[in-house]
Amino acid sequence: MDINQLVAHRIREIRHEKGFTSQAMADDLGITIGSYSAIENGKVNITIDRLHQIAQVLQMPLLAFLPSGAYSYSVNVSHGEHAINATTYNNYRDKEMIDSLNTAMQLMQKVVTKMQE
């Protein structure tokens, strides 16, 4: 599978996860369903501009569509002298990473609540 097909596969996968139809994507991108289908089937070489538009519609970072792309999550919470900073590098599809981020978010919510008391 070439890079174009891998990106096309990720677009389709993320679109399904987000609950978008192909028609809705085509409409949001201002293209025909046939043109959108060609993108998802890897029949056209997708431009960075078009990939950026797709990322915006799906509310995902551009790197989420690239194969084996690792990127970081960065979470910062601060209040006066109190601060929590967390940056983790990993592939966002990794279940362990998602679980860790959920745990970190729950902990940060407790800290924020405590700060508000």
Protein backbone atom coordinates (compact mmCIF):
# COMPACT_ATOMS: atom_id res chain seq x y z
CA MET A 1 0.00 0.00 0.00
CA ASP A 2 1.45 3.40 -0.93
CA ILE A 3 1.26 6.50 1.27
CA ASN A 4 -1.77 7.85 -0.59
CA GLN A 5 -3.71 4.65 0.08
CA LEU A 6 -2.65 4.64 3.74
CA VAL A 7 -3.85 8.23 4.17
CA ALA A 8 -7.09 7.39 2.37
CA HIS A 9 -7.62 4.45 4.72
CA ARG A 10 -7.07 6.69 7.77
CA ILE A 11 -9.54 9.26 6.41
CA ARG A 12 -12.20 6.58 6.01
CA GLU A 13 -11.43 5.10 9.42
CA ILE A 14 -11.64 8.45 11.22
CA ARG A 15 -14.77 9.46 9.29
CA HIS A 16 -16.48 6.27 10.48
CA GLU A 17 -15.33 6.87 14.06
CA LYS A 18 -16.75 10.40 13.94
CA GLY A 19 -20.04 9.22 12.42
CA PHE A 20 -19.85 11.22 9.19
CA THR A 21 -21.29 9.91 5.93
CA SER A 22 -19.38 10.23 2.67
CA GLN A 23 -22.10 12.55 1.41
CA ALA A 24 -21.79 14.81 4.46
CA MET A 25 -18.03 14.97 3.97
CA ALA A 26 -18.42 15.81 0.28
CA ASP A 27 -20.94 18.53 1.15
CA ASP A 28 -18.73 20.04 3.87
CA LEU A 29 -15.75 20.03 1.51
CA GLY A 30 -17.75 21.50 -1.37
CA ILE A 31 -16.99 18.62 -3.74
CA THR A 32 -19.04 15.89 -5.39
CA ILE A 33 -19.55 12.52 -3.76
CA GLY A 34 -17.60 10.98 -6.63
CA SER A 35 -14.61 13.23 -5.93
CA TYR A 36 -14.77 12.44 -2.22
CA SER A 37 -15.06 8.71 -2.95
CA ALA A 38 -11.92 8.93 -5.10
CA ILE A 39 -10.07 10.46 -2.13
CA GLU A 40 -11.15 7.71 0.27
CA ASN A 41 -10.34 5.00 -2.24
CA GLY A 42 -6.84 6.36 -2.81
CA LYS A 43 -7.56 7.02 -6.48
CA VAL A 44 -6.25 10.59 -6.39
CA ASN A 45 -3.14 12.09 -4.89
CA ILE A 46 -4.49 14.14 -2.02
CA THR A 47 -3.01 17.59 -1.54
CA ILE A 48 -1.97 18.96 1.82
CA ASP A 49 -4.62 21.66 1.42
CA ARG A 50 -7.36 19.08 0.90
CA LEU A 51 -6.09 16.93 3.78
CA HIS A 52 -6.12 20.03 5.98
CA GLN A 53 -9.75 20.70 5.00
CA ILE A 54 -10.67 17.11 5.84
CA ALA A 55 -8.89 17.39 9.19
CA GLN A 56 -10.86 20.54 9.97
CA VAL A 57 -14.19 18.94 9.08
CA LEU A 58 -13.41 15.91 11.24
CA GLN A 59 -11.89 18.09 13.98
CA MET A 60 -8.68 16.11 14.07
CA PRO A 61 -5.04 17.15 13.89
CA LEU A 62 -3.53 16.83 10.44
CA LEU A 63 -0.97 14.31 11.68
CA ALA A 64 -3.74 11.90 12.69
CA PHE A 65 -4.12 11.01 9.01
CA LEU A 66 -0.49 10.15 8.42
CA PRO A 67 0.59 6.54 8.89
CA SER A 68 2.61 5.76 12.00
CA GLY A 69 2.53 9.43 12.87
CA ALA A 70 3.45 10.09 16.46
CA TYR A 71 2.51 13.38 17.93
CA SER A 72 2.05 14.81 21.37
CA TYR A 73 -0.80 15.62 23.64
CA SER A 74 -0.06 18.53 25.87
CA VAL A 75 -2.28 19.44 28.80
CA ASN A 76 -1.60 22.43 31.01
CA VAL A 77 -3.65 23.49 34.00
CA SER A 78 -2.58 26.41 36.14
CA HIS A 79 -4.01 28.51 38.92
CA GLY A 80 -1.79 31.00 40.68
CA GLU A 81 1.28 29.15 41.90
CA HIS A 82 -0.27 25.75 41.22
CA ALA A 83 0.30 24.13 37.85
CA ILE A 84 0.04 20.76 36.20
CA ASN A 85 1.79 20.09 32.92
CA ALA A 86 1.58 16.84 31.01
CA THR A 87 3.01 16.10 27.61
CA THR A 88 2.95 12.60 26.21
CA TYR A 89 4.23 11.43 22.85
CA ASN A 90 2.51 8.48 21.29
CA ASN A 91 0.20 7.39 18.53
CA TYR A 92 -3.28 8.60 19.49
CA ARG A 93 -4.84 5.28 18.44
CA ASP A 94 -2.97 3.42 21.16
CA LYS A 95 -5.58 2.26 23.74
CA GLU A 96 -3.09 2.46 26.59
CA MET A 97 -2.36 6.07 25.67
CA ILE A 98 -6.04 6.96 25.56
CA ASP A 99 -6.59 5.33 28.95
CA SER A 100 -3.63 7.24 30.40
CA LEU A 101 -4.94 10.52 29.05
CA ASN A 102 -8.39 9.85 30.50
CA THR A 103 -6.84 9.12 33.89
CA ALA A 104 -4.74 12.29 33.71
CA MET A 105 -7.80 14.36 32.81
CA GLN A 106 -9.75 12.94 35.76
CA LEU A 107 -6.86 13.74 38.10
CA MET A 108 -6.58 17.27 36.72
CA GLN A 109 -10.32 17.80 37.19
CA LYS A 110 -9.93 16.85 40.86
CA VAL A 111 -7.04 19.31 41.23
CA VAL A 112 -9.02 22.10 39.55
CA THR A 113 -11.99 21.41 41.82
CA LYS A 114 -9.70 21.50 44.86
CA MET A 115 -8.20 24.80 43.69
CA GLN A 116 -11.66 26.33 43.43
CA GLU A 117 -12.49 25.56 47.08
